[in-house]
């Protein structure tokens, strides 16, 4: 019998009946909640949902998100991988970001690009990450 393809939200809800948000059932290192919030298919191995790019003198982090926001999205920056500071946030159910954010697209899926607050020339070691919180 062929596999029935379900929309991401339905597939995510089905996965959660037996698993938690932070579970990684397919072994690719991406949690169920992160996959759902970035429009990936939970249970199907995939690549990183984010892209880090040196944009001029500052790093940018790009990713897809669902609209309306099913969870809070937080982009954080660090110079040491120990202390993290939020540089952009979007609350669950909201559509207005804080921080230096460009969002494109219409409908259910949006593309988000967040620009770091610190120039690479000021701090040679700089890291950005996306957290999704329910």
Foldseek 3Di string as FASTA:
>chain_A
DDDDDDFQVVQLVVVVVPDDQQDQVCPQNAGSVNCSQQRHHRPDHDDDQWDWDCDPQWIKIKGKGFPPRQFKKFKWKDQPVPDIDTQKIDGHRGDDMPHAKDWDDDDTMIMIMHTDPDTCVVRVRMDMDMDTHD
